[in-house]
Amino acid sequence: MAQFMSIHRSPGLSREEFAATAPDVIESKHAKMQHVWVNIFEGFIVTLYEGENKEMVIKEFERLGFPYDEVHEIQIDMPREGLEALAAGQ
């Protein structure tokens, strides 16, 4: 399965509203949420999803009624140590 990073802007989102979405997000009918980063104060959300393709991730957001601004397939997943090794020519 491919991984996809998405960006969502939801100004005014409260912690309670965010928490209320959790059961539906966990259900994962079309794509599976792997990780989420949230700045409640700015209403800025980044998610990491795993899915068959971008269209299935978008279909999952539509199922959830969750608007998105961007969805991008991840081509490289590398921790800092990997980048350091790459920079060192290893």
PDB file of N, CA and C in Angstrom:
ATOM      1  N   MET A   1       0.835  -1.197   0.000  1.00  0.00           N
ATOM      2  CA  MET A   1       0.000   0.000   0.000  1.00  0.00           C
ATOM      3  C   MET A   1       0.868   1.244   0.000  1.00  0.00           C
ATOM      4  N   ALA A   2       0.404   2.246  -0.679  1.00  0.00           N
ATOM      5  CA  ALA A   2       1.108   3.520  -0.746  1.00  0.00           C
ATOM      6  C   ALA A   2       0.729   4.384   0.465  1.00  0.00           C
ATOM      7  N   GLN A   3       1.585   5.362   0.748  1.00  0.00           N
ATOM      8  CA  GLN A   3       1.303   6.313   1.826  1.00  0.00           C
ATOM      9  C   GLN A   3       1.036   7.685   1.222  1.00  0.00           C
ATOM     10  N   PHE A   4       0.146   8.427   1.891  1.00  0.00           N
ATOM     11  CA  PHE A   4      -0.266   9.741   1.416  1.00  0.00           C
ATOM     12  C   PHE A   4      -0.279  10.730   2.574  1.00  0.00           C
ATOM     13  N   MET A   5       0.271  11.907   2.335  1.00  0.00           N
ATOM     14  CA  MET A   5       0.267  12.997   3.300  1.00  0.00           C
ATOM     15  C   MET A   5      -0.826  13.970   2.857  1.00  0.00           C
ATOM     16  N   SER A   6      -1.645  14.397   3.805  1.00  0.00           N
ATOM     17  CA  SER A   6      -2.695  15.362   3.471  1.00  0.00           C
ATOM     18  C   SER A   6      -2.636  16.554   4.407  1.00  0.00           C
ATOM     19  N   ILE A   7      -3.103  17.675   3.874  1.00  0.00           N
ATOM     20  CA  ILE A   7      -3.165  18.919   4.641  1.00  0.00           C
ATOM     21  C   ILE A   7      -4.622  19.363   4.691  1.00  0.00           C
ATOM     22  N   HIS A   8      -5.047  19.727   5.894  1.00  0.00           N
ATOM     23  CA  HIS A   8      -6.423  20.166   6.126  1.00  0.00           C
ATOM     24  C   HIS A   8      -6.365  21.475   6.912  1.00  0.00           C
ATOM     25  N   ARG A   9      -7.232  22.374   6.570  1.00  0.00           N
ATOM     26  CA  ARG A   9      -7.360  23.610   7.349  1.00  0.00           C
ATOM     27  C   ARG A   9      -8.785  23.662   7.887  1.00  0.00           C
ATOM     28  N   SER A  10      -8.885  23.744   9.195  1.00  0.00           N
ATOM     29  CA  SER A  10     -10.186  23.722   9.848  1.00  0.00           C
ATOM     30  C   SER A  10     -10.194  24.728  10.991  1.00  0.00           C
ATOM     31  N   PRO A  11     -10.214  26.017  10.643  1.00  0.00           N
ATOM     32  CA  PRO A  11     -10.212  27.050  11.689  1.00  0.00           C
ATOM     33  C   PRO A  11     -11.411  26.882  12.626  1.00  0.00           C
ATOM     34  N   GLY A  12     -11.165  27.070  13.897  1.00  0.00           N
ATOM     35  CA  GLY A  12     -12.237  26.969  14.880  1.00  0.00           C
ATOM     36  C   GLY A  12     -12.487  25.558  15.380  1.00  0.00           C
ATOM     37  N   LEU A  13     -11.710  24.591  14.906  1.00  0.00           N
ATOM     38  CA  LEU A  13     -11.854  23.213  15.354  1.00  0.00           C
ATOM     39  C   LEU A  13     -11.512  23.115  16.846  1.00  0.00           C
ATOM     40  N   SER A  14     -12.397  22.507  17.606  1.00  0.00           N
ATOM     41  CA  SER A  14     -12.121  22.330  19.041  1.00  0.00           C
ATOM     42  C   SER A  14     -11.578  20.926  19.287  1.00  0.00           C
ATOM     43  N   ARG A  15     -10.977  20.744  20.449  1.00  0.00           N
ATOM     44  CA  ARG A  15     -10.494  19.412  20.833  1.00  0.00           C
ATOM     45  C   ARG A  15     -11.657  18.413  20.875  1.00  0.00           C
ATOM     46  N   GLU A  16     -12.792  18.873  21.352  1.00  0.00           N
ATOM     47  CA  GLU A  16     -13.962  18.006  21.458  1.00  0.00           C
ATOM     48  C   GLU A  16     -14.453  17.576  20.071  1.00  0.00           C
ATOM     49  N   GLU A  17     -14.485  18.512  19.137  1.00  0.00           N
ATOM     50  CA  GLU A  17     -14.892  18.174  17.769  1.00  0.00           C
ATOM     51  C   GLU A  17     -13.895  17.202  17.138  1.00  0.00           C
ATOM     52  N   PHE A  18     -12.612  17.452  17.368  1.00  0.00           N
ATOM     53  CA  PHE A  18     -11.586  16.558  16.845  1.00  0.00           C
ATOM     54  C   PHE A  18     -11.756  15.155  17.422  1.00  0.00           C
ATOM     55  N   ALA A  19     -11.951  15.078  18.731  1.00  0.00           N
ATOM     56  CA  ALA A  19     -12.124  13.783  19.399  1.00  0.00           C
ATOM     57  C   ALA A  19     -13.375  13.060  18.907  1.00  0.00           C
ATOM     58  N   ALA A  20     -14.421  13.807  18.599  1.00  0.00           N
ATOM     59  CA  ALA A  20     -15.668  13.196  18.143  1.00  0.00           C
ATOM     60  C   ALA A  20     -15.510  12.496  16.800  1.00  0.00           C
ATOM     61  N   THR A  21     -14.523  12.883  16.005  1.00  0.00           N
ATOM     62  CA  THR A  21     -14.311  12.250  14.701  1.00  0.00           C
ATOM     63  C   THR A  21     -13.543  10.929  14.808  1.00  0.00           C
ATOM     64  N   ALA A  22     -12.905  10.688  15.941  1.00  0.00           N
ATOM     65  CA  ALA A  22     -12.013   9.533  16.087  1.00  0.00           C
ATOM     66  C   ALA A  22     -12.652   8.190  15.734  1.00  0.00           C
ATOM     67  N   PRO A  23     -13.840   7.855  16.228  1.00  0.00           N
ATOM     68  CA  PRO A  23     -14.408   6.540  15.891  1.00  0.00           C
ATOM     69  C   PRO A  23     -14.595   6.331  14.386  1.00  0.00           C
ATOM     70  N   ASP A  24     -15.049   7.357  13.687  1.00  0.00           N
ATOM     71  CA  ASP A  24     -15.243   7.239  12.234  1.00  0.00           C
ATOM     72  C   ASP A  24     -13.913   7.132  11.504  1.00  0.00           C
ATOM     73  N   VAL A  25     -12.918   7.884  11.951  1.00  0.00           N
ATOM     74  CA  VAL A  25     -11.594   7.821  11.330  1.00  0.00           C
ATOM     75  C   VAL A  25     -10.993   6.432  11.522  1.00  0.00           C
ATOM     76  N   ILE A  26     -11.120   5.883  12.699  1.00  0.00           N
ATOM     77  CA  ILE A  26     -10.573   4.553  13.000  1.00  0.00           C
ATOM     78  C   ILE A  26     -11.250   3.477  12.149  1.00  0.00           C
ATOM     79  N   GLU A  27     -12.492   3.680  11.787  1.00  0.00           N
ATOM     80  CA  GLU A  27     -13.228   2.699  10.979  1.00  0.00           C
ATOM     81  C   GLU A  27     -12.526   2.406   9.648  1.00  0.00           C
ATOM     82  N   SER A  28     -11.937   3.402   9.023  1.00  0.00           N
ATOM     83  CA  SER A  28     -11.078   3.233   7.841  1.00  0.00           C
ATOM     84  C   SER A  28     -11.675   2.322   6.762  1.00  0.00           C
ATOM     85  N   LYS A  29     -12.702   2.784   6.081  1.00  0.00           N
ATOM     86  CA  LYS A  29     -13.345   1.962   5.052  1.00  0.00           C
ATOM     87  C   LYS A  29     -12.585   1.936   3.729  1.00  0.00           C
ATOM     88  N   HIS A  30     -11.978   3.054   3.334  1.00  0.00           N
ATOM     89  CA  HIS A  30     -11.339   3.142   2.016  1.00  0.00           C
ATOM     90  C   HIS A  30      -9.828   3.325   2.095  1.00  0.00           C
ATOM     91  N   ALA A  31      -9.357   3.914   3.167  1.00  0.00           N
ATOM     92  CA  ALA A  31      -7.938   4.147   3.411  1.00  0.00           C
ATOM     93  C   ALA A  31      -7.751   4.214   4.923  1.00  0.00           C
ATOM     94  N   LYS A  32      -6.534   3.910   5.370  1.00  0.00           N
ATOM     95  CA  LYS A  32      -6.295   3.801   6.816  1.00  0.00           C
ATOM     96  C   LYS A  32      -5.399   4.939   7.309  1.00  0.00           C
ATOM     97  N   MET A  33      -5.910   5.683   8.296  1.00  0.00           N
ATOM     98  CA  MET A  33      -5.128   6.750   8.905  1.00  0.00           C
ATOM     99  C   MET A  33      -4.012   6.134   9.742  1.00  0.00           C
ATOM    100  N   GLN A  34      -2.781   6.595   9.507  1.00  0.00           N
ATOM    101  CA  GLN A  34      -1.615   6.091  10.218  1.00  0.00           C
ATOM    102  C   GLN A  34      -1.136   7.036  11.321  1.00  0.00           C
ATOM    103  N   HIS A  35      -1.254   8.333  11.062  1.00  0.00           N
ATOM    104  CA  HIS A  35      -0.742   9.332  12.018  1.00  0.00           C
ATOM    105  C   HIS A  35      -1.435  10.659  11.732  1.00  0.00           C
ATOM    106  N   VAL A  36      -1.568  11.467  12.764  1.00  0.00           N
ATOM    107  CA  VAL A  36      -2.148  12.801  12.589  1.00  0.00           C
ATOM    108  C   VAL A  36      -1.375  13.795  13.451  1.00  0.00           C
ATOM    109  N   TRP A  37      -1.150  14.969  12.891  1.00  0.00           N
ATOM    110  CA  TRP A  37      -0.522  16.086  13.600  1.00  0.00           C
ATOM    111  C   TRP A  37      -1.521  17.230  13.542  1.00  0.00           C
ATOM    112  N   VAL A  38      -1.813  17.844  14.696  1.00  0.00           N
ATOM    113  CA  VAL A  38      -2.854  18.871  14.765  1.00  0.00           C
ATOM    114  C   VAL A  38      -2.368  20.088  15.537  1.00  0.00           C
ATOM    115  N   ASN A  39      -2.614  21.270  14.979  1.00  0.00           N
ATOM    116  CA  ASN A  39      -2.452  22.516  15.700  1.00  0.00           C
ATOM    117  C   ASN A  39      -3.856  23.071  15.877  1.00  0.00           C
ATOM    118  N   ILE A  40      -4.447  22.819  17.029  1.00  0.00           N
ATOM    119  CA  ILE A  40      -5.826  23.236  17.304  1.00  0.00           C
ATOM    120  C   ILE A  40      -5.981  24.752  17.194  1.00  0.00           C
ATOM    121  N   PHE A  41      -4.989  25.500  17.681  1.00  0.00           N
ATOM    122  CA  PHE A  41      -5.095  26.964  17.696  1.00  0.00           C
ATOM    123  C   PHE A  41      -5.190  27.552  16.297  1.00  0.00           C
ATOM    124  N   GLU A  42      -4.504  26.949  15.330  1.00  0.00           N
ATOM    125  CA  GLU A  42      -4.526  27.453  13.952  1.00  0.00           C
ATOM    126  C   GLU A  42      -5.475  26.667  13.055  1.00  0.00           C
ATOM    127  N   GLY A  43      -6.019  25.567  13.563  1.00  0.00           N
ATOM    128  CA  GLY A  43      -6.902  24.741  12.749  1.00  0.00           C
ATOM    129  C   GLY A  43      -6.152  24.076  11.609  1.00  0.00           C
ATOM    130  N   PHE A  44      -4.906  23.701  11.864  1.00  0.00           N
ATOM    131  CA  PHE A  44      -4.039  23.107  10.838  1.00  0.00           C
ATOM    132  C   PHE A  44      -3.829  21.632  11.172  1.00  0.00           C
ATOM    133  N   ILE A  45      -4.134  20.763  10.195  1.00  0.00           N
ATOM    134  CA  ILE A  45      -4.043  19.320  10.416  1.00  0.00           C
ATOM    135  C   ILE A  45      -3.257  18.692   9.276  1.00  0.00           C
ATOM    136  N   VAL A  46      -2.335  17.813   9.626  1.00  0.00           N
ATOM    137  CA  VAL A  46      -1.598  17.011   8.649  1.00  0.00           C
ATOM    138  C   VAL A  46      -1.856  15.552   9.006  1.00  0.00           C
ATOM    139  N   THR A  47      -2.213  14.752   7.998  1.00  0.00           N
ATOM    140  CA  THR A  47      -2.451  13.339   8.250  1.00  0.00           C
ATOM    141  C   THR A  47      -1.574  12.480   7.349  1.00  0.00           C
ATOM    142  N   LEU A  48      -1.294  11.303   7.834  1.00  0.00           N
ATOM    143  CA  LEU A  48      -0.595  10.287   7.057  1.00  0.00           C
ATOM    144  C   LEU A  48      -1.562   9.124   6.898  1.00  0.00           C
ATOM    145  N   TYR A  49      -1.901   8.810   5.654  1.00  0.00           N
ATOM    146  CA  TYR A  49      -2.826   7.722   5.347  1.00  0.00           C
ATOM    147  C   TYR A  49      -2.131   6.667   4.513  1.00  0.00           C
ATOM    148  N   GLU A  50      -2.614   5.451   4.631  1.00  0.00           N
ATOM    149  CA  GLU A  50      -2.173   4.351   3.786  1.00  0.00           C
ATOM    150  C   GLU A  50      -3.378   3.934   2.949  1.00  0.00           C
ATOM    151  N   GLY A  51      -3.154   3.795   1.641  1.00  0.00           N
ATOM    152  CA  GLY A  51      -4.266   3.420   0.786  1.00  0.00           C
ATOM    153  C   GLY A  51      -3.810   2.869  -0.544  1.00  0.00           C
ATOM    154  N   GLU A  52      -4.755   2.330  -1.260  1.00  0.00           N
ATOM    155  CA  GLU A  52      -4.487   1.747  -2.575  1.00  0.00           C
ATOM    156  C   GLU A  52      -4.005   2.813  -3.556  1.00  0.00           C
ATOM    157  N   ASN A  53      -4.632   3.995  -3.496  1.00  0.00           N
ATOM    158  CA  ASN A  53      -4.239   5.108  -4.361  1.00  0.00           C
ATOM    159  C   ASN A  53      -4.829   6.402  -3.794  1.00  0.00           C
ATOM    160  N   LYS A  54      -4.466   7.509  -4.426  1.00  0.00           N
ATOM    161  CA  LYS A  54      -4.911   8.834  -3.967  1.00  0.00           C
ATOM    162  C   LYS A  54      -6.441   8.934  -3.971  1.00  0.00           C
ATOM    163  N   GLU A  55      -7.058   8.355  -4.976  1.00  0.00           N
ATOM    164  CA  GLU A  55      -8.512   8.424  -5.094  1.00  0.00           C
ATOM    165  C   GLU A  55      -9.206   7.759  -3.904  1.00  0.00           C
ATOM    166  N   MET A  56      -8.625   6.670  -3.405  1.00  0.00           N
ATOM    167  CA  MET A  56      -9.225   5.993  -2.247  1.00  0.00           C
ATOM    168  C   MET A  56      -9.067   6.822  -0.970  1.00  0.00           C
ATOM    169  N   VAL A  57      -7.962   7.535  -0.853  1.00  0.00           N
ATOM    170  CA  VAL A  57      -7.776   8.429   0.300  1.00  0.00           C
ATOM    171  C   VAL A  57      -8.813   9.549   0.237  1.00  0.00           C
ATOM    172  N   ILE A  58      -8.994  10.116  -0.938  1.00  0.00           N
ATOM    173  CA  ILE A  58     -10.001  11.171  -1.103  1.00  0.00           C
ATOM    174  C   ILE A  58     -11.398  10.626  -0.824  1.00  0.00           C
ATOM    175  N   LYS A  59     -11.661   9.411  -1.267  1.00  0.00           N
ATOM    176  CA  LYS A  59     -12.959   8.779  -1.002  1.00  0.00           C
ATOM    177  C   LYS A  59     -13.181   8.617   0.507  1.00  0.00           C
ATOM    178  N   GLU A  60     -12.114   8.300   1.238  1.00  0.00           N
ATOM    179  CA  GLU A  60     -12.212   8.189   2.698  1.00  0.00           C
ATOM    180  C   GLU A  60     -12.551   9.550   3.309  1.00  0.00           C
ATOM    181  N   PHE A  61     -11.901  10.623   2.847  1.00  0.00           N
ATOM    182  CA  PHE A  61     -12.202  11.966   3.362  1.00  0.00           C
ATOM    183  C   PHE A  61     -13.646  12.343   3.052  1.00  0.00           C
ATOM    184  N   GLU A  62     -14.113  11.983   1.853  1.00  0.00           N
ATOM    185  CA  GLU A  62     -15.506  12.273   1.496  1.00  0.00           C
ATOM    186  C   GLU A  62     -16.463  11.500   2.398  1.00  0.00           C
ATOM    187  N   ARG A  63     -16.142  10.240   2.698  1.00  0.00           N
ATOM    188  CA  ARG A  63     -16.970   9.436   3.604  1.00  0.00           C
ATOM    189  C   ARG A  63     -17.067  10.093   4.974  1.00  0.00           C
ATOM    190  N   LEU A  64     -15.944  10.639   5.421  1.00  0.00           N
ATOM    191  CA  LEU A  64     -15.886  11.279   6.728  1.00  0.00           C
ATOM    192  C   LEU A  64     -16.502  12.675   6.726  1.00  0.00           C
ATOM    193  N   GLY A  65     -16.714  13.237   5.536  1.00  0.00           N
ATOM    194  CA  GLY A  65     -17.170  14.621   5.450  1.00  0.00           C
ATOM    195  C   GLY A  65     -16.083  15.570   5.908  1.00  0.00           C
ATOM    196  N   PHE A  66     -14.835  15.165   5.649  1.00  0.00           N
ATOM    197  CA  PHE A  66     -13.673  15.892   6.150  1.00  0.00           C
ATOM    198  C   PHE A  66     -12.995  16.623   4.997  1.00  0.00           C
ATOM    199  N   PRO A  67     -13.126  17.943   4.912  1.00  0.00           N
ATOM    200  CA  PRO A  67     -12.516  18.678   3.810  1.00  0.00           C
ATOM    201  C   PRO A  67     -10.989  18.614   3.861  1.00  0.00           C
ATOM    202  N   TYR A  68     -10.377  18.627   2.700  1.00  0.00           N
ATOM    203  CA  TYR A  68      -8.914  18.580   2.610  1.00  0.00           C
ATOM    204  C   TYR A  68      -8.457  19.645   1.622  1.00  0.00           C
ATOM    205  N   ASP A  69      -7.241  20.102   1.811  1.00  0.00           N
ATOM    206  CA  ASP A  69      -6.660  21.090   0.909  1.00  0.00           C
ATOM    207  C   ASP A  69      -5.689  20.442  -0.074  1.00  0.00           C
ATOM    208  N   GLU A  70      -4.946  19.453   0.412  1.00  0.00           N
ATOM    209  CA  GLU A  70      -3.947  18.794  -0.432  1.00  0.00           C
ATOM    210  C   GLU A  70      -3.821  17.334  -0.026  1.00  0.00           C
ATOM    211  N   VAL A  71      -3.541  16.474  -1.025  1.00  0.00           N
ATOM    212  CA  VAL A  71      -3.221  15.065  -0.786  1.00  0.00           C
ATOM    213  C   VAL A  71      -2.073  14.717  -1.718  1.00  0.00           C
ATOM    214  N   HIS A  72      -0.986  14.184  -1.147  1.00  0.00           N
ATOM    215  CA  HIS A  72       0.201  13.866  -1.942  1.00  0.00           C
ATOM    216  C   HIS A  72       0.718  12.476  -1.587  1.00  0.00           C
ATOM    217  N   GLU A  73       1.072  11.693  -2.613  1.00  0.00           N
ATOM    218  CA  GLU A  73       1.684  10.391  -2.371  1.00  0.00           C
ATOM    219  C   GLU A  73       3.115  10.607  -1.896  1.00  0.00           C
ATOM    220  N   ILE A  74       3.528   9.810  -0.937  1.00  0.00           N
ATOM    221  CA  ILE A  74       4.890   9.895  -0.403  1.00  0.00           C
ATOM    222  C   ILE A  74       5.788   8.963  -1.209  1.00  0.00           C
ATOM    223  N   GLN A  75       6.863   9.510  -1.726  1.00  0.00           N
ATOM    224  CA  GLN A  75       7.802   8.739  -2.539  1.00  0.00           C
ATOM    225  C   GLN A  75       9.014   8.295  -1.715  1.00  0.00           C
ATOM    226  N   ILE A  76       9.405   9.123  -0.742  1.00  0.00           N
ATOM    227  CA  ILE A  76      10.562   8.820   0.107  1.00  0.00           C
ATOM    228  C   ILE A  76      10.153   9.018   1.557  1.00  0.00           C
ATOM    229  N   ASP A  77      10.435   8.035   2.383  1.00  0.00           N
ATOM    230  CA  ASP A  77      10.183   8.104   3.823  1.00  0.00           C
ATOM    231  C   ASP A  77      11.522   7.831   4.499  1.00  0.00           C
ATOM    232  N   MET A  78      12.128   8.872   5.056  1.00  0.00           N
ATOM    233  CA  MET A  78      13.487   8.736   5.560  1.00  0.00           C
ATOM    234  C   MET A  78      13.657   9.481   6.879  1.00  0.00           C
ATOM    235  N   PRO A  79      14.124   8.802   7.910  1.00  0.00           N
ATOM    236  CA  PRO A  79      14.419   9.499   9.166  1.00  0.00           C
ATOM    237  C   PRO A  79      15.687  10.333   9.030  1.00  0.00           C
ATOM    238  N   ARG A  80      15.951  11.154  10.002  1.00  0.00           N
ATOM    239  CA  ARG A  80      17.119  12.032   9.987  1.00  0.00           C
ATOM    240  C   ARG A  80      18.411  11.251   9.747  1.00  0.00           C
ATOM    241  N   GLU A  81      18.539  10.103  10.407  1.00  0.00           N
ATOM    242  CA  GLU A  81      19.765   9.306  10.264  1.00  0.00           C
ATOM    243  C   GLU A  81      19.977   8.877   8.816  1.00  0.00           C
ATOM    244  N   GLY A  82      18.914   8.554   8.128  1.00  0.00           N
ATOM    245  CA  GLY A  82      19.013   8.188   6.721  1.00  0.00           C
ATOM    246  C   GLY A  82      19.455   9.364   5.868  1.00  0.00           C
ATOM    247  N   LEU A  83      18.933  10.549   6.178  1.00  0.00           N
ATOM    248  CA  LEU A  83      19.336  11.747   5.448  1.00  0.00           C
ATOM    249  C   LEU A  83      20.800  12.088   5.725  1.00  0.00           C
ATOM    250  N   GLU A  84      21.226  11.911   6.964  1.00  0.00           N
ATOM    251  CA  GLU A  84      22.633  12.159   7.312  1.00  0.00           C
ATOM    252  C   GLU A  84      23.537  11.197   6.530  1.00  0.00           C
ATOM    253  N   ALA A  85      23.137   9.923   6.445  1.00  0.00           N
ATOM    254  CA  ALA A  85      23.933   8.937   5.692  1.00  0.00           C
ATOM    255  C   ALA A  85      23.947   9.295   4.210  1.00  0.00           C
ATOM    256  N   LEU A  86      22.809   9.745   3.694  1.00  0.00           N
ATOM    257  CA  LEU A  86      22.734  10.151   2.286  1.00  0.00           C
ATOM    258  C   LEU A  86      23.663  11.336   2.030  1.00  0.00           C
ATOM    259  N   ALA A  87      23.653  12.318   2.927  1.00  0.00           N
ATOM    260  CA  ALA A  87      24.496  13.499   2.782  1.00  0.00           C
ATOM    261  C   ALA A  87      25.970  13.137   2.873  1.00  0.00           C
ATOM    262  N   ALA A  88      26.297  12.101   3.647  1.00  0.00           N
ATOM    263  CA  ALA A  88      27.684  11.674   3.814  1.00  0.00           C
ATOM    264  C   ALA A  88      28.132  10.747   2.676  1.00  0.00           C
ATOM    265  N   GLY A  89      27.231  10.479   1.755  1.00  0.00           N
ATOM    266  CA  GLY A  89      27.569   9.634   0.613  1.00  0.00           C
ATOM    267  C   GLY A  89      27.572   8.158   0.911  1.00  0.00           C
ATOM    268  N   GLN A  90      26.881   7.757   1.938  1.00  0.00           N
ATOM    269  CA  GLN A  90      26.864   6.330   2.321  1.00  0.00           C
ATOM    270  C   GLN A  90      25.700   5.615   1.681  1.00  0.00           C
TER     271      GLN A  90
END
